[in-house]
Amino acid sequence: MRGNVLPIGRPAAVIIVATFCAVRVETARAAFELTANASVGAEYNSNPLQLSALEAAPAGNGAKRDDVSKRASINMSAGYHGTGPLQFQLRGSLIDANFDHFNTLGRRDHDLTGILDWKPAQQSFDASLQAQHASLPIPIADVGGTKATQQTTTSARTTLHLRAATVWQFGVSPFWNETDTPLPTAKGFKSVEKGGNLALEYIGAGPVVPGVTAGEIRGRYSGITDATRYDQYFAQLTLRYKATGLSTFSFSGGQTWRTTNVIDITGTPTVLIPEKKESGFMGSANYSRKLTAKTSFTIGAYRAFLHYAAGLNPSIDTGFTSGVTWAATPLLTAALDTSFILSKIDDTTPNGVPLQREDLTRNYTFSVTYQAFRHVSVRTRVTRQTRNSTIQTSQFNNLVGGVDLIASLK
């Protein structure tokens, strides 16, 4: 089984043709913005196939595990922010990448997100709609083989806020999500989620906003042996805080209940067999602070029911993240980001025996960005990733170093 492949693709020139542009038009009644940047770069990866110590490198690369990749990317953002109630934003990114030796890892990632906001002047209510379509890789350490597997996600969420007496805010937010993952052993593997939540917040206490939220998620898998469906309910307390742009804090936490059922494929597909019930504390907390004009940091923690990337196995993840940014000069910025993620996954041994698999994944990334010219910057980065697992073939470690040349217009 295998881990995260790095984005790589076809000749950079194909993407660079659409270099970068920025247009900003403002009138008394409307404002339209369009910005973009393009980059080219190269990366060295000591273990792009995320092989464990027990696995040998495939033939064809001199028994070497490492490789070099070349990549190009484009990021664009368009927005309309007029004086009326309607606002919208459209963001898109494309990464084209290709390895020198393990060319089956080459792929093209994309992410397109649209946000539509309706904010009337009376402020008694507002509404928003967000839609996303993305194609991104899943960990090759979990899939196996030497070919990148792209996971395509399409989702939509709408949110409506109603305010009463200027101190209470009621919100309702339904959503829909569909994910297609063509696994080597299940090309038609798909999951569909539907659900939503209700929220009540007290907004009359200035920068402190306490509240409660409750919701439901219904999910169903298909295109794979022993497909399952699940019902998940949650109730949480929430808290948001923002102080004059210097620090922000958010918290949500409470109880979550989840029931998973196996669909009886051999009998009547509509008959569900109760399989497993789980419950526990789930939530997240995030804090960011601007220490000085040059230094800021963020820390976060979470515990959540998540999807195992390469199957229908449920996963409970507990994670910790941190980041520090230091703007040494107006032209030079350094950043250090870390994450520790413990995943508990319902899995089976190669002999089919049920197993509570545990993965501990650690990531450390150090990057430096230098503004060489007004519209040109250079970014270097080094990433160390390790994963320990109760399944030895799912363990790996790698070291990635890269440099990017970025052109943008500010």
Foldseek 3Di string as FASTA:
>chain_A
DFFFADAAADDQVVVCVCAWDWDWDDDQFKIKIKWKKKKKKKKKKQARLQWFPVDWDDPFPPSGRIWMKIKMKMKMKIKMDGPAQKIKMKIKMKMFMATPTLRLATDMWMKIKMKIKGQHPVRQKIKMKIKMWIWGWGTSLVQDDSHTWIKIKIKMKMKMWGDDPNFKIKMKMWMKMKIATCGPVFHRKIKIKTKIKIKMWGRPPPQKIKIKMKMKMWMWIDRDPQTKIKIKIWIWIKMWGDDPPFKIKIKIKGKMKMWMWTQPPVPDRVDTDTDDIDMDMWMKMKMKGDPDPFKIKIKMWTWDWDADPRDRWIKIKTKIKMKMKGDPDPFKIKMKIKMWMWIFTFDADPVRHTDGKIKIKIKIKIKMKGCPDQFKIKMKMKMWMWMDMPPSRSTGIMIMIMMMIMGIDD
